[in-house]
Structure formats: structure tokens, C-alpha cells
Amino acid sequence: MARPEVRTSALAAAIGVSRQTLATWVTRELLPQPRRLHLGVHGSSSRFPGYSVELGQYVRQALRESPFVEVAREVAPLLAKDADWVDEQLAAGKPIKDLLRELGTPRT
């Protein structure tokens, strides 16, 4: 079962980064693309998959040790997966680090 999506402001707070940092990480393919909601005269809003909190926390730590390109290479296989599948794996107790290790390219 998919977890609830996360608003940009809540994701930034949970990871401890700014909204601009989130935008940079999405552009650099460290986080999934958010779903954009158009709210008419009220503007727009973005929602990230539920697993983005765990992934963002992992990315923040990984960037302390490795450059963007290495972290992006490591998370790419996870970002290619369906968000519901990732949420199911996390709900089953599998840590994000283990998922990344199983799916692909670990950092060197």
C-alpha cells in the first residue's frame, strides 16, 4: 500500500534542507520528480512520493562523503522503480540503504 505523498515544505523540513536544495536534488536526479498539482487561482503545489523522506535523508548523508554524480548513479535504479513498490519494500522493514545496495551501483 502506497504511503501518503509528501508536500515540498514537509519534505524539506524532514530532511533538514531548503526548498531550493530539494529543487537542485530533483534536477540532479537525486530525488524523484514531484507530482505537480495546479490549484487554479491559488497557484500550484508539488507532492513527492512517500519514500522521498528516507531517500532524502540518505542523499543528505551520502553527499557528505561522495560527489553528486556518484550519489545520482547510486540512486538511479531506485528512482526507476515504481513508487508503490519502493513504499512496500520500506513498509516491510527494508532500509533504503539495503534497497539501494540490492538494486545497483554502490558508491565507491
PDB file of N, CA and C in Angstrom:
ATOM      1  N   MET A   1       0.839  -1.182   0.000  1.00  0.00           N
ATOM      2  CA  MET A   1       0.000   0.000   0.000  1.00  0.00           C
ATOM      3  C   MET A   1       0.879   1.239   0.000  1.00  0.00           C
ATOM      4  N   ALA A   2       0.586   2.162  -0.881  1.00  0.00           N
ATOM      5  CA  ALA A   2       1.391   3.369  -1.008  1.00  0.00           C
ATOM      6  C   ALA A   2       1.194   4.276   0.196  1.00  0.00           C
ATOM      7  N   ARG A   3       2.285   4.859   0.597  1.00  0.00           N
ATOM      8  CA  ARG A   3       2.215   5.821   1.687  1.00  0.00           C
ATOM      9  C   ARG A   3       1.765   7.160   1.132  1.00  0.00           C
ATOM     10  N   PRO A   4       1.283   8.043   1.990  1.00  0.00           N
ATOM     11  CA  PRO A   4       0.842   9.356   1.506  1.00  0.00           C
ATOM     12  C   PRO A   4       1.993  10.140   0.879  1.00  0.00           C
ATOM     13  N   GLU A   5       1.655  10.931  -0.100  1.00  0.00           N
ATOM     14  CA  GLU A   5       2.650  11.802  -0.708  1.00  0.00           C
ATOM     15  C   GLU A   5       3.039  12.888   0.298  1.00  0.00           C
ATOM     16  N   VAL A   6       4.197  13.497   0.055  1.00  0.00           N
ATOM     17  CA  VAL A   6       4.754  14.487   0.971  1.00  0.00           C
ATOM     18  C   VAL A   6       4.858  15.826   0.266  1.00  0.00           C
ATOM     19  N   ARG A   7       4.371  16.859   0.914  1.00  0.00           N
ATOM     20  CA  ARG A   7       4.492  18.218   0.360  1.00  0.00           C
ATOM     21  C   ARG A   7       5.945  18.662   0.407  1.00  0.00           C
ATOM     22  N   THR A   8       6.302  19.563  -0.483  1.00  0.00           N
ATOM     23  CA  THR A   8       7.674  20.055  -0.574  1.00  0.00           C
ATOM     24  C   THR A   8       8.164  20.609   0.756  1.00  0.00           C
ATOM     25  N   SER A   9       7.360  21.439   1.411  1.00  0.00           N
ATOM     26  CA  SER A   9       7.785  22.051   2.672  1.00  0.00           C
ATOM     27  C   SER A   9       8.004  21.000   3.762  1.00  0.00           C
ATOM     28  N   ALA A  10       7.139  19.979   3.813  1.00  0.00           N
ATOM     29  CA  ALA A  10       7.289  18.919   4.808  1.00  0.00           C
ATOM     30  C   ALA A  10       8.524  18.073   4.516  1.00  0.00           C
ATOM     31  N   LEU A  11       8.804  17.818   3.239  1.00  0.00           N
ATOM     32  CA  LEU A  11       9.978  17.044   2.872  1.00  0.00           C
ATOM     33  C   LEU A  11      11.250  17.805   3.233  1.00  0.00           C
ATOM     34  N   ALA A  12      11.289  19.079   2.904  1.00  0.00           N
ATOM     35  CA  ALA A  12      12.470  19.893   3.238  1.00  0.00           C
ATOM     36  C   ALA A  12      12.717  19.894   4.745  1.00  0.00           C
ATOM     37  N   ALA A  13      11.650  20.039   5.526  1.00  0.00           N
ATOM     38  CA  ALA A  13      11.792  20.048   6.986  1.00  0.00           C
ATOM     39  C   ALA A  13      12.269  18.692   7.506  1.00  0.00           C
ATOM     40  N   ALA A  14      11.734  17.610   6.963  1.00  0.00           N
ATOM     41  CA  ALA A  14      12.097  16.264   7.427  1.00  0.00           C
ATOM     42  C   ALA A  14      13.562  15.933   7.128  1.00  0.00           C
ATOM     43  N   ILE A  15      14.067  16.462   6.028  1.00  0.00           N
ATOM     44  CA  ILE A  15      15.453  16.187   5.641  1.00  0.00           C
ATOM     45  C   ILE A  15      16.404  17.195   6.274  1.00  0.00           C
ATOM     46  N   GLY A  16      15.898  18.397   6.539  1.00  0.00           N
ATOM     47  CA  GLY A  16      16.741  19.450   7.099  1.00  0.00           C
ATOM     48  C   GLY A  16      17.472  20.250   6.039  1.00  0.00           C
ATOM     49  N   VAL A  17      16.801  20.452   4.889  1.00  0.00           N
ATOM     50  CA  VAL A  17      17.376  21.238   3.796  1.00  0.00           C
ATOM     51  C   VAL A  17      16.342  22.269   3.343  1.00  0.00           C
ATOM     52  N   SER A  18      16.773  23.178   2.490  1.00  0.00           N
ATOM     53  CA  SER A  18      15.860  24.195   1.971  1.00  0.00           C
ATOM     54  C   SER A  18      15.069  23.665   0.785  1.00  0.00           C
ATOM     55  N   ARG A  19      14.012  24.382   0.441  1.00  0.00           N
ATOM     56  CA  ARG A  19      13.232  24.033  -0.746  1.00  0.00           C
ATOM     57  C   ARG A  19      14.098  24.140  -2.003  1.00  0.00           C
ATOM     58  N   GLN A  20      15.006  25.094  -2.021  1.00  0.00           N
ATOM     59  CA  GLN A  20      15.915  25.255  -3.165  1.00  0.00           C
ATOM     60  C   GLN A  20      16.835  24.042  -3.298  1.00  0.00           C
ATOM     61  N   THR A  21      17.303  23.526  -2.175  1.00  0.00           N
ATOM     62  CA  THR A  21      18.135  22.322  -2.215  1.00  0.00           C
ATOM     63  C   THR A  21      17.344  21.152  -2.790  1.00  0.00           C
ATOM     64  N   LEU A  22      16.083  21.007  -2.380  1.00  0.00           N
ATOM     65  CA  LEU A  22      15.248  19.944  -2.949  1.00  0.00           C
ATOM     66  C   LEU A  22      15.150  20.093  -4.460  1.00  0.00           C
ATOM     67  N   ALA A  23      14.927  21.322  -4.920  1.00  0.00           N
ATOM     68  CA  ALA A  23      14.816  21.556  -6.364  1.00  0.00           C
ATOM     69  C   ALA A  23      16.113  21.169  -7.071  1.00  0.00           C
ATOM     70  N   THR A  24      17.240  21.492  -6.469  1.00  0.00           N
ATOM     71  CA  THR A  24      18.534  21.127  -7.048  1.00  0.00           C
ATOM     72  C   THR A  24      18.688  19.611  -7.092  1.00  0.00           C
ATOM     73  N   TRP A  25      18.318  18.937  -6.016  1.00  0.00           N
ATOM     74  CA  TRP A  25      18.435  17.475  -5.966  1.00  0.00           C
ATOM     75  C   TRP A  25      17.534  16.812  -7.004  1.00  0.00           C
ATOM     76  N   VAL A  26      16.346  17.361  -7.226  1.00  0.00           N
ATOM     77  CA  VAL A  26      15.456  16.808  -8.262  1.00  0.00           C
ATOM     78  C   VAL A  26      16.096  17.008  -9.629  1.00  0.00           C
ATOM     79  N   THR A  27      16.624  18.196  -9.880  1.00  0.00           N
ATOM     80  CA  THR A  27      17.280  18.487 -11.153  1.00  0.00           C
ATOM     81  C   THR A  27      18.477  17.581 -11.385  1.00  0.00           C
ATOM     82  N   ARG A  28      19.218  17.310 -10.329  1.00  0.00           N
ATOM     83  CA  ARG A  28      20.413  16.462 -10.421  1.00  0.00           C
ATOM     84  C   ARG A  28      20.086  14.966 -10.306  1.00  0.00           C
ATOM     85  N   GLU A  29      18.805  14.655 -10.270  1.00  0.00           N
ATOM     86  CA  GLU A  29      18.303  13.274 -10.239  1.00  0.00           C
ATOM     87  C   GLU A  29      18.742  12.502  -8.995  1.00  0.00           C
ATOM     88  N   LEU A  30      18.671  13.203  -7.854  1.00  0.00           N
ATOM     89  CA  LEU A  30      18.933  12.573  -6.564  1.00  0.00           C
ATOM     90  C   LEU A  30      17.631  12.237  -5.847  1.00  0.00           C
ATOM     91  N   LEU A  31      16.558  12.891  -6.254  1.00  0.00           N
ATOM     92  CA  LEU A  31      15.212  12.653  -5.717  1.00  0.00           C
ATOM     93  C   LEU A  31      14.247  12.492  -6.886  1.00  0.00           C
ATOM     94  N   PRO A  32      13.117  11.831  -6.652  1.00  0.00           N
ATOM     95  CA  PRO A  32      12.146  11.665  -7.744  1.00  0.00           C
ATOM     96  C   PRO A  32      11.482  12.989  -8.114  1.00  0.00           C
ATOM     97  N   GLN A  33      10.988  13.038  -9.325  1.00  0.00           N
ATOM     98  CA  GLN A  33      10.212  14.202  -9.755  1.00  0.00           C
ATOM     99  C   GLN A  33       8.927  14.254  -8.931  1.00  0.00           C
ATOM    100  N   PRO A  34       8.572  15.429  -8.424  1.00  0.00           N
ATOM    101  CA  PRO A  34       7.301  15.522  -7.702  1.00  0.00           C
ATOM    102  C   PRO A  34       6.128  15.558  -8.678  1.00  0.00           C
ATOM    103  N   ARG A  35       4.966  15.219  -8.153  1.00  0.00           N
ATOM    104  CA  ARG A  35       3.724  15.367  -8.926  1.00  0.00           C
ATOM    105  C   ARG A  35       3.261  16.802  -8.701  1.00  0.00           C
ATOM    106  N   ARG A  36       3.019  17.510  -9.772  1.00  0.00           N
ATOM    107  CA  ARG A  36       2.619  18.917  -9.661  1.00  0.00           C
ATOM    108  C   ARG A  36       1.099  19.030  -9.738  1.00  0.00           C
ATOM    109  N   LEU A  37       0.564  19.745  -8.770  1.00  0.00           N
ATOM    110  CA  LEU A  37      -0.877  19.997  -8.734  1.00  0.00           C
ATOM    111  C   LEU A  37      -1.121  21.448  -9.101  1.00  0.00           C
ATOM    112  N   HIS A  38      -2.049  21.675 -10.004  1.00  0.00           N
ATOM    113  CA  HIS A  38      -2.412  23.042 -10.388  1.00  0.00           C
ATOM    114  C   HIS A  38      -3.684  23.409  -9.643  1.00  0.00           C
ATOM    115  N   LEU A  39      -3.594  24.472  -8.861  1.00  0.00           N
ATOM    116  CA  LEU A  39      -4.680  24.862  -7.971  1.00  0.00           C
ATOM    117  C   LEU A  39      -5.432  26.088  -8.462  1.00  0.00           C
ATOM    118  N   GLY A  40      -5.436  26.289  -9.753  1.00  0.00           N
ATOM    119  CA  GLY A  40      -6.163  27.422 -10.324  1.00  0.00           C
ATOM    120  C   GLY A  40      -5.606  28.752  -9.842  1.00  0.00           C
ATOM    121  N   VAL A  41      -6.469  29.610  -9.354  1.00  0.00           N
ATOM    122  CA  VAL A  41      -6.044  30.940  -8.908  1.00  0.00           C
ATOM    123  C   VAL A  41      -5.152  30.866  -7.665  1.00  0.00           C
ATOM    124  N   HIS A  42      -5.109  29.707  -7.030  1.00  0.00           N
ATOM    125  CA  HIS A  42      -4.283  29.547  -5.830  1.00  0.00           C
ATOM    126  C   HIS A  42      -2.874  29.071  -6.145  1.00  0.00           C
ATOM    127  N   GLY A  43      -2.524  28.997  -7.427  1.00  0.00           N
ATOM    128  CA  GLY A  43      -1.173  28.615  -7.818  1.00  0.00           C
ATOM    129  C   GLY A  43      -1.014  27.138  -8.041  1.00  0.00           C
ATOM    130  N   SER A  44       0.094  26.607  -7.557  1.00  0.00           N
ATOM    131  CA  SER A  44       0.371  25.186  -7.725  1.00  0.00           C
ATOM    132  C   SER A  44       1.050  24.644  -6.471  1.00  0.00           C
ATOM    133  N   SER A  45       1.122  23.344  -6.417  1.00  0.00           N
ATOM    134  CA  SER A  45       1.732  22.668  -5.282  1.00  0.00           C
ATOM    135  C   SER A  45       2.392  21.398  -5.805  1.00  0.00           C
ATOM    136  N   SER A  46       3.404  20.931  -5.105  1.00  0.00           N
ATOM    137  CA  SER A  46       4.095  19.706  -5.506  1.00  0.00           C
ATOM    138  C   SER A  46       4.001  18.675  -4.405  1.00  0.00           C
ATOM    139  N   ARG A  47       3.926  17.415  -4.818  1.00  0.00           N
ATOM    140  CA  ARG A  47       3.857  16.299  -3.876  1.00  0.00           C
ATOM    141  C   ARG A  47       4.892  15.261  -4.295  1.00  0.00           C
ATOM    142  N   PHE A  48       5.684  14.821  -3.338  1.00  0.00           N
ATOM    143  CA  PHE A  48       6.707  13.806  -3.574  1.00  0.00           C
ATOM    144  C   PHE A  48       6.198  12.450  -3.111  1.00  0.00           C
ATOM    145  N   PRO A  49       6.695  11.366  -3.712  1.00  0.00           N
ATOM    146  CA  PRO A  49       6.329  10.037  -3.227  1.00  0.00           C
ATOM    147  C   PRO A  49       6.697   9.885  -1.753  1.00  0.00           C
ATOM    148  N   GLY A  50       5.970   9.037  -1.041  1.00  0.00           N
ATOM    149  CA  GLY A  50       6.179   8.858   0.391  1.00  0.00           C
ATOM    150  C   GLY A  50       7.598   8.478   0.767  1.00  0.00           C
ATOM    151  N   TYR A  51       8.270   7.699  -0.079  1.00  0.00           N
ATOM    152  CA  TYR A  51       9.619   7.250   0.251  1.00  0.00           C
ATOM    153  C   TYR A  51      10.665   8.350   0.151  1.00  0.00           C
ATOM    154  N   SER A  52      10.286   9.520  -0.325  1.00  0.00           N
ATOM    155  CA  SER A  52      11.250  10.611  -0.530  1.00  0.00           C
ATOM    156  C   SER A  52      11.902  11.076   0.765  1.00  0.00           C
ATOM    157  N   VAL A  53      11.206  10.922   1.892  1.00  0.00           N
ATOM    158  CA  VAL A  53      11.799  11.325   3.168  1.00  0.00           C
ATOM    159  C   VAL A  53      13.034  10.466   3.450  1.00  0.00           C
ATOM    160  N   GLU A  54      12.876   9.146   3.401  1.00  0.00           N
ATOM    161  CA  GLU A  54      14.004   8.246   3.664  1.00  0.00           C
ATOM    162  C   GLU A  54      15.112   8.432   2.630  1.00  0.00           C
ATOM    163  N   LEU A  55      14.723   8.560   1.372  1.00  0.00           N
ATOM    164  CA  LEU A  55      15.727   8.746   0.326  1.00  0.00           C
ATOM    165  C   LEU A  55      16.453  10.069   0.524  1.00  0.00           C
ATOM    166  N   GLY A  56      15.722  11.124   0.827  1.00  0.00           N
ATOM    167  CA  GLY A  56      16.350  12.428   1.039  1.00  0.00           C
ATOM    168  C   GLY A  56      17.326  12.424   2.204  1.00  0.00           C
ATOM    169  N   GLN A  57      16.967  11.743   3.285  1.00  0.00           N
ATOM    170  CA  GLN A  57      17.876  11.639   4.429  1.00  0.00           C
ATOM    171  C   GLN A  57      19.137  10.879   4.035  1.00  0.00           C
ATOM    172  N   TYR A  58      18.955   9.834   3.243  1.00  0.00           N
ATOM    173  CA  TYR A  58      20.100   9.062   2.766  1.00  0.00           C
ATOM    174  C   TYR A  58      20.981   9.933   1.867  1.00  0.00           C
ATOM    175  N   VAL A  59      20.365  10.653   0.935  1.00  0.00           N
ATOM    176  CA  VAL A  59      21.103  11.501  -0.003  1.00  0.00           C
ATOM    177  C   VAL A  59      21.894  12.560   0.757  1.00  0.00           C
ATOM    178  N   ARG A  60      21.276  13.172   1.737  1.00  0.00           N
ATOM    179  CA  ARG A  60      21.966  14.211   2.507  1.00  0.00           C
ATOM    180  C   ARG A  60      23.243  13.656   3.127  1.00  0.00           C
ATOM    181  N   GLN A  61      23.158  12.490   3.734  1.00  0.00           N
ATOM    182  CA  GLN A  61      24.337  11.868   4.336  1.00  0.00           C
ATOM    183  C   GLN A  61      25.348  11.460   3.264  1.00  0.00           C
ATOM    184  N   ALA A  62      24.882  10.879   2.171  1.00  0.00           N
ATOM    185  CA  ALA A  62      25.776  10.411   1.108  1.00  0.00           C
ATOM    186  C   ALA A  62      26.561  11.560   0.485  1.00  0.00           C
ATOM    187  N   LEU A  63      25.936  12.729   0.368  1.00  0.00           N
ATOM    188  CA  LEU A  63      26.616  13.875  -0.238  1.00  0.00           C
ATOM    189  C   LEU A  63      27.731  14.417   0.647  1.00  0.00           C
ATOM    190  N   ARG A  64      27.731  14.051   1.909  1.00  0.00           N
ATOM    191  CA  ARG A  64      28.838  14.446   2.792  1.00  0.00           C
ATOM    192  C   ARG A  64      30.101  13.648   2.475  1.00  0.00           C
ATOM    193  N   GLU A  65      29.903  12.497   1.819  1.00  0.00           N
ATOM    194  CA  GLU A  65      31.016  11.586   1.564  1.00  0.00           C
ATOM    195  C   GLU A  65      31.365  11.433   0.089  1.00  0.00           C
ATOM    196  N   SER A  66      30.429  11.757  -0.798  1.00  0.00           N
ATOM    197  CA  SER A  66      30.622  11.498  -2.232  1.00  0.00           C
ATOM    198  C   SER A  66      30.065  12.651  -3.056  1.00  0.00           C
ATOM    199  N   PRO A  67      30.586  12.844  -4.274  1.00  0.00           N
ATOM    200  CA  PRO A  67      30.072  13.900  -5.151  1.00  0.00           C
ATOM    201  C   PRO A  67      28.687  13.564  -5.712  1.00  0.00           C
ATOM    202  N   PHE A  68      28.025  14.603  -6.205  1.00  0.00           N
ATOM    203  CA  PHE A  68      26.680  14.457  -6.773  1.00  0.00           C
ATOM    204  C   PHE A  68      26.593  13.302  -7.759  1.00  0.00           C
ATOM    205  N   VAL A  69      27.535  13.232  -8.680  1.00  0.00           N
ATOM    206  CA  VAL A  69      27.448  12.251  -9.757  1.00  0.00           C
ATOM    207  C   VAL A  69      27.456  10.819  -9.213  1.00  0.00           C
ATOM    208  N   GLU A  70      28.237  10.550  -8.189  1.00  0.00           N
ATOM    209  CA  GLU A  70      28.269   9.201  -7.613  1.00  0.00           C
ATOM    210  C   GLU A  70      26.968   8.865  -6.892  1.00  0.00           C
ATOM    211  N   VAL A  71      26.437   9.837  -6.153  1.00  0.00           N
ATOM    212  CA  VAL A  71      25.189   9.600  -5.434  1.00  0.00           C
ATOM    213  C   VAL A  71      24.044   9.427  -6.438  1.00  0.00           C
ATOM    214  N   ALA A  72      24.035  10.241  -7.492  1.00  0.00           N
ATOM    215  CA  ALA A  72      22.995  10.113  -8.526  1.00  0.00           C
ATOM    216  C   ALA A  72      23.064   8.738  -9.192  1.00  0.00           C
ATOM    217  N   ARG A  73      24.255   8.243  -9.455  1.00  0.00           N
ATOM    218  CA  ARG A  73      24.414   6.920 -10.056  1.00  0.00           C
ATOM    219  C   ARG A  73      23.883   5.844  -9.113  1.00  0.00           C
ATOM    220  N   GLU A  74      24.115   6.035  -7.828  1.00  0.00           N
ATOM    221  CA  GLU A  74      23.668   5.048  -6.845  1.00  0.00           C
ATOM    222  C   GLU A  74      22.143   5.003  -6.724  1.00  0.00           C
ATOM    223  N   VAL A  75      21.492   6.167  -6.745  1.00  0.00           N
ATOM    224  CA  VAL A  75      20.039   6.194  -6.531  1.00  0.00           C
ATOM    225  C   VAL A  75      19.234   5.993  -7.812  1.00  0.00           C
ATOM    226  N   ALA A  76      19.873   6.054  -8.967  1.00  0.00           N
ATOM    227  CA  ALA A  76      19.156   5.942 -10.251  1.00  0.00           C
ATOM    228  C   ALA A  76      18.288   4.688 -10.359  1.00  0.00           C
ATOM    229  N   PRO A  77      18.782   3.504  -9.974  1.00  0.00           N
ATOM    230  CA  PRO A  77      17.918   2.315 -10.089  1.00  0.00           C
ATOM    231  C   PRO A  77      16.667   2.402  -9.203  1.00  0.00           C
ATOM    232  N   LEU A  78      16.775   3.035  -8.067  1.00  0.00           N
ATOM    233  CA  LEU A  78      15.619   3.192  -7.181  1.00  0.00           C
ATOM    234  C   LEU A  78      14.606   4.154  -7.796  1.00  0.00           C
ATOM    235  N   LEU A  79      15.109   5.247  -8.366  1.00  0.00           N
ATOM    236  CA  LEU A  79      14.212   6.231  -8.980  1.00  0.00           C
ATOM    237  C   LEU A  79      13.483   5.646 -10.188  1.00  0.00           C
ATOM    238  N   ALA A  80      14.059   4.621 -10.805  1.00  0.00           N
ATOM    239  CA  ALA A  80      13.420   3.975 -11.958  1.00  0.00           C
ATOM    240  C   ALA A  80      12.284   3.046 -11.531  1.00  0.00           C
ATOM    241  N   LYS A  81      12.249   2.681 -10.267  1.00  0.00           N
ATOM    242  CA  LYS A  81      11.204   1.786  -9.750  1.00  0.00           C
ATOM    243  C   LYS A  81       9.903   2.555  -9.503  1.00  0.00           C
ATOM    244  N   ASP A  82       8.805   1.822  -9.501  1.00  0.00           N
ATOM    245  CA  ASP A  82       7.506   2.388  -9.174  1.00  0.00           C
ATOM    246  C   ASP A  82       7.486   2.803  -7.702  1.00  0.00           C
ATOM    247  N   ALA A  83       6.951   3.974  -7.407  1.00  0.00           N
ATOM    248  CA  ALA A  83       6.921   4.490  -6.035  1.00  0.00           C
ATOM    249  C   ALA A  83       6.188   3.544  -5.081  1.00  0.00           C
ATOM    250  N   ASP A  84       5.125   2.900  -5.544  1.00  0.00           N
ATOM    251  CA  ASP A  84       4.391   1.956  -4.690  1.00  0.00           C
ATOM    252  C   ASP A  84       5.271   0.776  -4.288  1.00  0.00           C
ATOM    253  N   TRP A  85       6.087   0.293  -5.230  1.00  0.00           N
ATOM    254  CA  TRP A  85       6.991  -0.823  -4.929  1.00  0.00           C
ATOM    255  C   TRP A  85       8.000  -0.409  -3.855  1.00  0.00           C
ATOM    256  N   VAL A  86       8.567   0.783  -4.006  1.00  0.00           N
ATOM    257  CA  VAL A  86       9.551   1.268  -3.028  1.00  0.00           C
ATOM    258  C   VAL A  86       8.895   1.392  -1.656  1.00  0.00           C
ATOM    259  N   ASP A  87       7.704   1.988  -1.612  1.00  0.00           N
ATOM    260  CA  ASP A  87       6.994   2.133  -0.336  1.00  0.00           C
ATOM    261  C   ASP A  87       6.708   0.775   0.306  1.00  0.00           C
ATOM    262  N   GLU A  88       6.338  -0.213  -0.505  1.00  0.00           N
ATOM    263  CA  GLU A  88       6.073  -1.562   0.019  1.00  0.00           C
ATOM    264  C   GLU A  88       7.331  -2.168   0.638  1.00  0.00           C
ATOM    265  N   GLN A  89       8.460  -1.989  -0.025  1.00  0.00           N
ATOM    266  CA  GLN A  89       9.720  -2.522   0.491  1.00  0.00           C
ATOM    267  C   GLN A  89      10.076  -1.874   1.831  1.00  0.00           C
ATOM    268  N   LEU A  90       9.897  -0.566   1.910  1.00  0.00           N
ATOM    269  CA  LEU A  90      10.190   0.147   3.159  1.00  0.00           C
ATOM    270  C   LEU A  90       9.212  -0.268   4.260  1.00  0.00           C
ATOM    271  N   ALA A  91       7.950  -0.437   3.904  1.00  0.00           N
ATOM    272  CA  ALA A  91       6.941  -0.860   4.881  1.00  0.00           C
ATOM    273  C   ALA A  91       7.236  -2.251   5.412  1.00  0.00           C
ATOM    274  N   ALA A  92       7.887  -3.079   4.596  1.00  0.00           N
ATOM    275  CA  ALA A  92       8.259  -4.437   5.015  1.00  0.00           C
ATOM    276  C   ALA A  92       9.498  -4.435   5.902  1.00  0.00           C
ATOM    277  N   GLY A  93      10.052  -3.251   6.158  1.00  0.00           N
ATOM    278  CA  GLY A  93      11.186  -3.142   7.065  1.00  0.00           C
ATOM    279  C   GLY A  93      12.549  -3.089   6.413  1.00  0.00           C
ATOM    280  N   LYS A  94      12.579  -2.992   5.104  1.00  0.00           N
ATOM    281  CA  LYS A  94      13.866  -2.945   4.409  1.00  0.00           C
ATOM    282  C   LYS A  94      14.379  -1.500   4.388  1.00  0.00           C
ATOM    283  N   PRO A  95      15.549  -1.235   4.950  1.00  0.00           N
ATOM    284  CA  PRO A  95      16.097   0.128   4.937  1.00  0.00           C
ATOM    285  C   PRO A  95      16.457   0.581   3.519  1.00  0.00           C
ATOM    286  N   ILE A  96      16.403   1.884   3.298  1.00  0.00           N
ATOM    287  CA  ILE A  96      16.696   2.446   1.978  1.00  0.00           C
ATOM    288  C   ILE A  96      18.105   2.061   1.531  1.00  0.00           C
ATOM    289  N   LYS A  97      19.043   2.025   2.452  1.00  0.00           N
ATOM    290  CA  LYS A  97      20.419   1.659   2.119  1.00  0.00           C
ATOM    291  C   LYS A  97      20.489   0.242   1.552  1.00  0.00           C
ATOM    292  N   ASP A  98      19.729  -0.680   2.138  1.00  0.00           N
ATOM    293  CA  ASP A  98      19.701  -2.055   1.638  1.00  0.00           C
ATOM    294  C   ASP A  98      19.053  -2.140   0.257  1.00  0.00           C
ATOM    295  N   LEU A  99      17.987  -1.384   0.052  1.00  0.00           N
ATOM    296  CA  LEU A  99      17.337  -1.358  -1.263  1.00  0.00           C
ATOM    297  C   LEU A  99      18.312  -0.884  -2.337  1.00  0.00           C
ATOM    298  N   LEU A 100      19.025   0.193  -2.033  1.00  0.00           N
ATOM    299  CA  LEU A 100      19.981   0.732  -2.990  1.00  0.00           C
ATOM    300  C   LEU A 100      21.087  -0.282  -3.294  1.00  0.00           C
ATOM    301  N   ARG A 101      21.553  -0.961  -2.282  1.00  0.00           N
ATOM    302  CA  ARG A 101      22.608  -1.956  -2.465  1.00  0.00           C
ATOM    303  C   ARG A 101      22.109  -3.094  -3.365  1.00  0.00           C
ATOM    304  N   GLU A 102      20.886  -3.540  -3.130  1.00  0.00           N
ATOM    305  CA  GLU A 102      20.328  -4.638  -3.924  1.00  0.00           C
ATOM    306  C   GLU A 102      20.055  -4.254  -5.372  1.00  0.00           C
ATOM    307  N   LEU A 103      19.703  -2.994  -5.581  1.00  0.00           N
ATOM    308  CA  LEU A 103      19.285  -2.566  -6.918  1.00  0.00           C
ATOM    309  C   LEU A 103      20.415  -2.203  -7.861  1.00  0.00           C
ATOM    310  N   GLY A 104      21.559  -1.809  -7.307  1.00  0.00           N
ATOM    311  CA  GLY A 104      22.501  -1.334  -8.302  1.00  0.00           C
ATOM    312  C   GLY A 104      23.887  -0.985  -7.869  1.00  0.00           C
ATOM    313  N   THR A 105      24.254   0.221  -8.175  1.00  0.00           N
ATOM    314  CA  THR A 105      25.624   0.671  -8.105  1.00  0.00           C
ATOM    315  C   THR A 105      25.936   1.343  -6.776  1.00  0.00           C
ATOM    316  N   PRO A 106      26.631   0.646  -5.879  1.00  0.00           N
ATOM    317  CA  PRO A 106      27.014   1.299  -4.630  1.00  0.00           C
ATOM    318  C   PRO A 106      28.112   2.337  -4.857  1.00  0.00           C
ATOM    319  N   ARG A 107      28.147   3.315  -3.973  1.00  0.00           N
ATOM    320  CA  ARG A 107      29.215   4.318  -4.056  1.00  0.00           C
ATOM    321  C   ARG A 107      30.549   3.641  -3.834  1.00  0.00           C
ATOM    322  N   THR A 108      31.575   4.194  -4.458  1.00  0.00           N
ATOM    323  CA  THR A 108      32.928   3.639  -4.302  1.00  0.00           C
ATOM    324  C   THR A 108      33.678   4.340  -3.208  1.00  0.00           C
TER     325      THR A 108
END
